[in-house]
């Protein structure tokens, strides 16, 4: 009978010890998690992560207000489509540059998001383009009316041709540092001319109508951040 009476007491003791161990382990895990979180904050990695996200998402979002303004007014007058051309060609070229020179992933994501954003903005500009404008008259003087086409599909065909050409070139000359560096130079050089088409458009119109100040602030802020 003594042995039988001792068995429940022993089981209760084992259960109590197990609960104590589990509670101690849980507290230890919580402490380790807190310690690692504090180490992450102390090392500044969270700042780097936030900066990378901002770097990737910020520049494409600059054009959201411009697109919203055009849709709201149903009028793309005042915004130069050549801005879309520069950003599309430059960022497509930068993506191929990444294949030969793996720069920061956040910048690659930025380029991909910018391509999507500019394709959407270009579609909006074409849909709400004015029937007659200074930009159209100037565009008629360009060889093959470059980037002043009437159909969105024509822009897509040109960009598809650009991607195919650069794909062929990167397959042939991808191991050449000179060619890879040339791609980077072209992308950077094109992007540096970004304000020029808009400046010309504003000068010809003698007005800033249709051009959002938020876009200009985004350009200045982006250059300052870089």
C-alpha atoms as a PDB file:
ATOM      1  CA  UNK A   1       0.000   0.000   0.000  1.00  0.00           C
ATOM      2  CA  UNK A   2       2.935   2.349   0.797  1.00  0.00           C
ATOM      3  CA  UNK A   3       4.366   1.922  -2.694  1.00  0.00           C
ATOM      4  CA  UNK A   4       0.973   2.547  -4.288  1.00  0.00           C
ATOM      5  CA  UNK A   5       0.515   5.712  -2.247  1.00  0.00           C
ATOM      6  CA  UNK A   6       3.951   6.950  -3.267  1.00  0.00           C
ATOM      7  CA  UNK A   7       3.299   6.608  -7.030  1.00  0.00           C
ATOM      8  CA  UNK A   8       0.805   9.537  -7.376  1.00  0.00           C
ATOM      9  CA  UNK A   9       3.088  11.764  -5.343  1.00  0.00           C
ATOM     10  CA  UNK A  10       6.024  10.897  -7.614  1.00  0.00           C
ATOM     11  CA  UNK A  11       3.933  11.582 -10.746  1.00  0.00           C
ATOM     12  CA  UNK A  12       2.848  14.948  -9.334  1.00  0.00           C
ATOM     13  CA  UNK A  13       6.479  15.799  -8.669  1.00  0.00           C
ATOM     14  CA  UNK A  14       7.517  14.867 -12.230  1.00  0.00           C
ATOM     15  CA  UNK A  15       4.666  16.951 -13.664  1.00  0.00           C
ATOM     16  CA  UNK A  16       5.624  19.922 -11.498  1.00  0.00           C
ATOM     17  CA  UNK A  17       9.266  19.652 -12.530  1.00  0.00           C
ATOM     18  CA  UNK A  18       8.239  19.418 -16.191  1.00  0.00           C
ATOM     19  CA  UNK A  19       6.048  22.539 -15.889  1.00  0.00           C
ATOM     20  CA  UNK A  20       8.862  24.408 -14.164  1.00  0.00           C
ATOM     21  CA  UNK A  21      11.309  23.397 -16.891  1.00  0.00           C
ATOM     22  CA  UNK A  22       8.879  24.449 -19.659  1.00  0.00           C
ATOM     23  CA  UNK A  23       8.280  27.800 -17.976  1.00  0.00           C
ATOM     24  CA  UNK A  24      12.023  28.368 -17.598  1.00  0.00           C
ATOM     25  CA  UNK A  25      12.630  27.394 -21.234  1.00  0.00           C
ATOM     26  CA  UNK A  26       9.890  29.770 -22.440  1.00  0.00           C
ATOM     27  CA  UNK A  27      11.385  32.641 -20.450  1.00  0.00           C
ATOM     28  CA  UNK A  28      14.822  31.792 -21.800  1.00  0.00           C
ATOM     29  CA  UNK A  29      13.550  31.797 -25.393  1.00  0.00           C
ATOM     30  CA  UNK A  30      11.826  35.136 -24.831  1.00  0.00           C
ATOM     31  CA  UNK A  31      15.030  36.563 -23.397  1.00  0.00           C
ATOM     32  CA  UNK A  32      17.065  35.285 -26.350  1.00  0.00           C
ATOM     33  CA  UNK A  33      14.554  36.754 -28.821  1.00  0.00           C
ATOM     34  CA  UNK A  34      14.631  40.101 -27.018  1.00  0.00           C
ATOM     35  CA  UNK A  35      18.425  40.037 -26.925  1.00  0.00           C
ATOM     36  CA  UNK A  36      18.666  39.310 -30.647  1.00  0.00           C
ATOM     37  CA  UNK A  37      16.165  42.075 -31.399  1.00  0.00           C
ATOM     38  CA  UNK A  38      18.195  44.535 -29.350  1.00  0.00           C
ATOM     39  CA  UNK A  39      21.362  43.422 -31.126  1.00  0.00           C
ATOM     40  CA  UNK A  40      19.658  44.011 -34.470  1.00  0.00           C
ATOM     41  CA  UNK A  41      18.611  47.508 -33.427  1.00  0.00           C
ATOM     42  CA  UNK A  42      22.031  48.261 -31.981  1.00  0.00           C
ATOM     43  CA  UNK A  43      23.822  47.138 -35.106  1.00  0.00           C
ATOM     44  CA  UNK A  44      21.701  49.474 -37.240  1.00  0.00           C
ATOM     45  CA  UNK A  45      20.555  46.717 -39.571  1.00  0.00           C
ATOM     46  CA  UNK A  46      16.939  47.813 -39.280  1.00  0.00           C
ATOM     47  CA  UNK A  47      17.907  51.241 -40.574  1.00  0.00           C
ATOM     48  CA  UNK A  48      19.602  49.614 -43.529  1.00  0.00           C
ATOM     49  CA  UNK A  49      16.502  47.513 -44.214  1.00  0.00           C
ATOM     50  CA  UNK A  50      14.190  50.534 -44.065  1.00  0.00           C
ATOM     51  CA  UNK A  51      16.544  52.490 -46.323  1.00  0.00           C
ATOM     52  CA  UNK A  52      16.613  49.647 -48.852  1.00  0.00           C
ATOM     53  CA  UNK A  53      12.819  49.452 -48.938  1.00  0.00           C
ATOM     54  CA  UNK A  54      12.577  53.210 -49.341  1.00  0.00           C
ATOM     55  CA  UNK A  55      15.179  53.126 -52.093  1.00  0.00           C
ATOM     56  CA  UNK A  56      13.261  50.457 -53.992  1.00  0.00           C
ATOM     57  CA  UNK A  57       9.720  51.786 -53.575  1.00  0.00           C
ATOM     58  CA  UNK A  58      10.183  55.549 -53.253  1.00  0.00           C
ATOM     59  CA  UNK A  59      11.222  56.618 -56.780  1.00  0.00           C
ATOM     60  CA  UNK A  60       8.409  54.759 -58.592  1.00  0.00           C
ATOM     61  CA  UNK A  61       5.846  56.225 -56.180  1.00  0.00           C
ATOM     62  CA  UNK A  62       6.964  59.742 -57.120  1.00  0.00           C
ATOM     63  CA  UNK A  63       4.908  59.444 -60.307  1.00  0.00           C
ATOM     64  CA  UNK A  64       1.709  58.304 -58.586  1.00  0.00           C
ATOM     65  CA  UNK A  65       0.573  61.884 -58.020  1.00  0.00           C
ATOM     66  CA  UNK A  66       1.347  62.794 -61.635  1.00  0.00           C
ATOM     67  CA  UNK A  67      -0.708  59.859 -62.896  1.00  0.00           C
ATOM     68  CA  UNK A  68      -3.577  60.651 -60.530  1.00  0.00           C
ATOM     69  CA  UNK A  69      -3.619  64.276 -61.693  1.00  0.00           C
ATOM     70  CA  UNK A  70      -3.810  63.260 -65.362  1.00  0.00           C
ATOM     71  CA  UNK A  71      -6.619  60.776 -64.739  1.00  0.00           C
ATOM     72  CA  UNK A  72      -8.538  63.262 -62.622  1.00  0.00           C
ATOM     73  CA  UNK A  73      -8.364  65.995 -65.293  1.00  0.00           C
ATOM     74  CA  UNK A  74      -8.562  63.511 -68.164  1.00  0.00           C
ATOM     75  CA  UNK A  75      -5.824  65.562 -69.785  1.00  0.00           C
ATOM     76  CA  UNK A  76      -2.121  64.723 -70.175  1.00  0.00           C
ATOM     77  CA  UNK A  77      -1.216  68.209 -71.422  1.00  0.00           C
ATOM     78  CA  UNK A  78       1.956  69.528 -69.820  1.00  0.00           C
ATOM     79  CA  UNK A  79       3.654  66.236 -69.001  1.00  0.00           C
ATOM     80  CA  UNK A  80       6.288  65.108 -71.482  1.00  0.00           C
ATOM     81  CA  UNK A  81       6.087  61.466 -72.512  1.00  0.00           C
ATOM     82  CA  UNK A  82       9.808  61.640 -73.182  1.00  0.00           C
ATOM     83  CA  UNK A  83      10.269  61.397 -69.409  1.00  0.00           C
ATOM     84  CA  UNK A  84       8.752  57.914 -69.632  1.00  0.00           C
ATOM     85  CA  UNK A  85      11.061  57.095 -72.544  1.00  0.00           C
ATOM     86  CA  UNK A  86      14.181  58.065 -70.618  1.00  0.00           C
ATOM     87  CA  UNK A  87      13.188  56.151 -67.504  1.00  0.00           C
ATOM     88  CA  UNK A  88      12.090  53.037 -69.381  1.00  0.00           C
ATOM     89  CA  UNK A  89      15.202  52.800 -71.552  1.00  0.00           C
ATOM     90  CA  UNK A  90      17.533  53.674 -68.668  1.00  0.00           C
ATOM     91  CA  UNK A  91      16.034  51.159 -66.243  1.00  0.00           C
ATOM     92  CA  UNK A  92      15.812  48.366 -68.804  1.00  0.00           C
ATOM     93  CA  UNK A  93      19.480  48.966 -69.578  1.00  0.00           C
ATOM     94  CA  UNK A  94      20.298  49.002 -65.858  1.00  0.00           C
ATOM     95  CA  UNK A  95      18.665  45.579 -65.443  1.00  0.00           C
ATOM     96  CA  UNK A  96      20.983  44.169 -68.102  1.00  0.00           C
ATOM     97  CA  UNK A  97      23.901  45.942 -66.436  1.00  0.00           C
ATOM     98  CA  UNK A  98      23.000  44.043 -63.258  1.00  0.00           C
ATOM     99  CA  UNK A  99      23.497  40.750 -65.119  1.00  0.00           C
ATOM    100  CA  UNK A 100      27.132  41.675 -65.679  1.00  0.00           C
ATOM    101  CA  UNK A 101      27.746  43.603 -62.473  1.00  0.00           C
ATOM    102  CA  UNK A 102      25.612  42.553 -59.502  1.00  0.00           C
ATOM    103  CA  UNK A 103      24.932  45.817 -57.704  1.00  0.00           C
ATOM    104  CA  UNK A 104      22.614  46.198 -54.704  1.00  0.00           C
ATOM    105  CA  UNK A 105      19.391  44.211 -54.942  1.00  0.00           C
ATOM    106  CA  UNK A 106      17.311  47.175 -53.758  1.00  0.00           C
ATOM    107  CA  UNK A 107      18.404  49.140 -56.825  1.00  0.00           C
ATOM    108  CA  UNK A 108      17.450  46.251 -59.103  1.00  0.00           C
ATOM    109  CA  UNK A 109      14.000  46.079 -57.508  1.00  0.00           C
ATOM    110  CA  UNK A 110      13.744  49.846 -57.917  1.00  0.00           C
ATOM    111  CA  UNK A 111      14.450  49.522 -61.642  1.00  0.00           C
ATOM    112  CA  UNK A 112      11.852  46.773 -62.073  1.00  0.00           C
ATOM    113  CA  UNK A 113       9.206  48.753 -60.191  1.00  0.00           C
ATOM    114  CA  UNK A 114      10.087  51.887 -62.139  1.00  0.00           C
ATOM    115  CA  UNK A 115       9.570  50.035 -65.429  1.00  0.00           C
ATOM    116  CA  UNK A 116       6.109  48.940 -64.296  1.00  0.00           C
ATOM    117  CA  UNK A 117       5.272  52.452 -63.062  1.00  0.00           C
ATOM    118  CA  UNK A 118       6.390  54.119 -66.287  1.00  0.00           C
ATOM    119  CA  UNK A 119       4.495  51.654 -68.461  1.00  0.00           C
ATOM    120  CA  UNK A 120       1.354  52.510 -66.506  1.00  0.00           C
ATOM    121  CA  UNK A 121       2.048  56.258 -66.690  1.00  0.00           C
ATOM    122  CA  UNK A 122       2.749  56.040 -70.416  1.00  0.00           C
ATOM    123  CA  UNK A 123      -0.577  54.276 -70.967  1.00  0.00           C
ATOM    124  CA  UNK A 124      -2.368  57.021 -69.042  1.00  0.00           C
ATOM    125  CA  UNK A 125      -0.589  59.745 -71.028  1.00  0.00           C
ATOM    126  CA  UNK A 126      -1.594  58.154 -74.331  1.00  0.00           C
ATOM    127  CA  UNK A 127      -5.172  57.596 -73.243  1.00  0.00           C
ATOM    128  CA  UNK A 128      -5.604  61.207 -72.164  1.00  0.00           C
ATOM    129  CA  UNK A 129      -3.274  62.855 -74.663  1.00  0.00           C
ATOM    130  CA  UNK A 130      -4.400  66.184 -76.161  1.00  0.00           C
ATOM    131  CA  UNK A 131      -5.515  66.081 -79.776  1.00  0.00           C
ATOM    132  CA  UNK A 132      -3.181  68.912 -80.726  1.00  0.00           C
ATOM    133  CA  UNK A 133      -0.202  70.105 -78.733  1.00  0.00           C
ATOM    134  CA  UNK A 134       3.268  71.504 -79.123  1.00  0.00           C
ATOM    135  CA  UNK A 135       4.666  68.088 -78.272  1.00  0.00           C
ATOM    136  CA  UNK A 136       2.766  66.456 -81.130  1.00  0.00           C
ATOM    137  CA  UNK A 137       3.937  69.076 -83.614  1.00  0.00           C
ATOM    138  CA  UNK A 138       7.546  68.637 -82.530  1.00  0.00           C
ATOM    139  CA  UNK A 139       7.145  64.853 -82.586  1.00  0.00           C
ATOM    140  CA  UNK A 140       6.127  64.920 -86.248  1.00  0.00           C
ATOM    141  CA  UNK A 141       9.616  66.215 -87.074  1.00  0.00           C
ATOM    142  CA  UNK A 142      11.352  63.250 -85.435  1.00  0.00           C
ATOM    143  CA  UNK A 143      12.672  60.320 -87.458  1.00  0.00           C
ATOM    144  CA  UNK A 144       9.891  57.725 -87.621  1.00  0.00           C
ATOM    145  CA  UNK A 145       7.959  59.975 -85.202  1.00  0.00           C
ATOM    146  CA  UNK A 146       9.969  58.376 -82.401  1.00  0.00           C
ATOM    147  CA  UNK A 147       8.070  58.174 -79.123  1.00  0.00           C
ATOM    148  CA  UNK A 148       5.188  60.210 -80.516  1.00  0.00           C
ATOM    149  CA  UNK A 149       3.227  57.246 -81.811  1.00  0.00           C
ATOM    150  CA  UNK A 150      -0.520  57.132 -81.428  1.00  0.00           C
ATOM    151  CA  UNK A 151      -0.922  53.532 -80.249  1.00  0.00           C
ATOM    152  CA  UNK A 152       0.320  52.058 -76.965  1.00  0.00           C
ATOM    153  CA  UNK A 153       1.226  48.834 -78.753  1.00  0.00           C
ATOM    154  CA  UNK A 154       3.843  50.696 -80.813  1.00  0.00           C
ATOM    155  CA  UNK A 155       5.673  51.691 -77.635  1.00  0.00           C
ATOM    156  CA  UNK A 156       5.536  48.113 -76.366  1.00  0.00           C
ATOM    157  CA  UNK A 157       6.910  46.835 -79.674  1.00  0.00           C
ATOM    158  CA  UNK A 158       9.834  49.241 -79.464  1.00  0.00           C
ATOM    159  CA  UNK A 159      10.602  48.272 -75.856  1.00  0.00           C
ATOM    160  CA  UNK A 160      10.330  44.573 -76.718  1.00  0.00           C
ATOM    161  CA  UNK A 161      12.798  45.119 -79.557  1.00  0.00           C
ATOM    162  CA  UNK A 162      15.127  46.919 -77.149  1.00  0.00           C
ATOM    163  CA  UNK A 163      14.975  44.022 -74.691  1.00  0.00           C
ATOM    164  CA  UNK A 164      15.674  41.493 -77.457  1.00  0.00           C
ATOM    165  CA  UNK A 165      18.640  43.483 -78.773  1.00  0.00           C
ATOM    166  CA  UNK A 166      20.147  43.917 -75.320  1.00  0.00           C
ATOM    167  CA  UNK A 167      19.576  40.232 -74.556  1.00  0.00           C
ATOM    168  CA  UNK A 168      21.526  39.246 -77.668  1.00  0.00           C
ATOM    169  CA  UNK A 169      24.310  41.700 -76.867  1.00  0.00           C
ATOM    170  CA  UNK A 170      24.616  40.552 -73.255  1.00  0.00           C
ATOM    171  CA  UNK A 171      24.855  36.928 -74.416  1.00  0.00           C
ATOM    172  CA  UNK A 172      27.657  37.814 -76.831  1.00  0.00           C
ATOM    173  CA  UNK A 173      29.576  40.442 -74.854  1.00  0.00           C
ATOM    174  CA  UNK A 174      28.416  39.703 -71.309  1.00  0.00           C
ATOM    175  CA  UNK A 175      31.906  38.678 -70.189  1.00  0.00           C
ATOM    176  CA  UNK A 176      33.456  41.881 -71.449  1.00  0.00           C
ATOM    177  CA  UNK A 177      33.980  44.419 -68.668  1.00  0.00           C
ATOM    178  CA  UNK A 178      34.067  47.172 -71.266  1.00  0.00           C
ATOM    179  CA  UNK A 179      30.601  46.294 -72.568  1.00  0.00           C
ATOM    180  CA  UNK A 180      29.114  45.867 -69.086  1.00  0.00           C
ATOM    181  CA  UNK A 181      30.536  49.211 -67.968  1.00  0.00           C
ATOM    182  CA  UNK A 182      29.182  50.773 -71.148  1.00  0.00           C
ATOM    183  CA  UNK A 183      25.684  49.584 -70.219  1.00  0.00           C
ATOM    184  CA  UNK A 184      26.038  51.197 -66.812  1.00  0.00           C
ATOM    185  CA  UNK A 185      27.296  54.425 -68.358  1.00  0.00           C
ATOM    186  CA  UNK A 186      24.394  54.532 -70.831  1.00  0.00           C
ATOM    187  CA  UNK A 187      21.818  53.925 -68.079  1.00  0.00           C
ATOM    188  CA  UNK A 188      23.303  56.577 -65.819  1.00  0.00           C
ATOM    189  CA  UNK A 189      23.828  59.039 -68.651  1.00  0.00           C
ATOM    190  CA  UNK A 190      20.251  58.716 -69.863  1.00  0.00           C
ATOM    191  CA  UNK A 191      18.799  59.149 -66.400  1.00  0.00           C
ATOM    192  CA  UNK A 192      20.854  62.298 -65.858  1.00  0.00           C
ATOM    193  CA  UNK A 193      18.989  63.940 -68.768  1.00  0.00           C
ATOM    194  CA  UNK A 194      15.598  63.259 -67.154  1.00  0.00           C
ATOM    195  CA  UNK A 195      14.517  66.892 -66.535  1.00  0.00           C
ATOM    196  CA  UNK A 196      15.471  68.141 -70.011  1.00  0.00           C
ATOM    197  CA  UNK A 197      12.379  66.978 -71.985  1.00  0.00           C
ATOM    198  CA  UNK A 198      10.066  68.385 -69.328  1.00  0.00           C
ATOM    199  CA  UNK A 199      11.994  71.652 -69.300  1.00  0.00           C
ATOM    200  CA  UNK A 200      11.648  71.951 -73.072  1.00  0.00           C
ATOM    201  CA  UNK A 201       7.939  71.140 -72.903  1.00  0.00           C
ATOM    202  CA  UNK A 202       7.344  73.778 -70.227  1.00  0.00           C
ATOM    203  CA  UNK A 203       9.330  76.351 -72.190  1.00  0.00           C
ATOM    204  CA  UNK A 204       7.344  75.760 -75.380  1.00  0.00           C
ATOM    205  CA  UNK A 205       4.053  75.982 -73.509  1.00  0.00           C
ATOM    206  CA  UNK A 206       5.218  78.988 -71.483  1.00  0.00           C
ATOM    207  CA  UNK A 207       3.475  77.272 -68.608  1.00  0.00           C
ATOM    208  CA  UNK A 208       3.884  74.650 -65.893  1.00  0.00           C
ATOM    209  CA  UNK A 209       0.333  73.446 -66.422  1.00  0.00           C
ATOM    210  CA  UNK A 210       0.020  69.694 -66.088  1.00  0.00           C
ATOM    211  CA  UNK A 211       3.379  69.155 -64.431  1.00  0.00           C
ATOM    212  CA  UNK A 212       3.101  68.234 -60.770  1.00  0.00           C
ATOM    213  CA  UNK A 213       5.422  69.860 -58.267  1.00  0.00           C
ATOM    214  CA  UNK A 214       5.591  66.538 -56.420  1.00  0.00           C
ATOM    215  CA  UNK A 215       7.420  65.076 -59.426  1.00  0.00           C
ATOM    216  CA  UNK A 216      10.023  67.843 -59.301  1.00  0.00           C
ATOM    217  CA  UNK A 217      10.448  67.384 -55.559  1.00  0.00           C
ATOM    218  CA  UNK A 218      10.876  63.660 -56.147  1.00  0.00           C
ATOM    219  CA  UNK A 219      13.628  64.300 -58.687  1.00  0.00           C
ATOM    220  CA  UNK A 220      15.483  66.636 -56.338  1.00  0.00           C
ATOM    221  CA  UNK A 221      14.991  64.328 -53.371  1.00  0.00           C
ATOM    222  CA  UNK A 222      16.116  61.281 -55.335  1.00  0.00           C
ATOM    223  CA  UNK A 223      19.316  62.972 -56.463  1.00  0.00           C
ATOM    224  CA  UNK A 224      19.996  64.179 -52.917  1.00  0.00           C
ATOM    225  CA  UNK A 225      19.428  60.667 -51.520  1.00  0.00           C
ATOM    226  CA  UNK A 226      21.856  59.184 -54.031  1.00  0.00           C
END
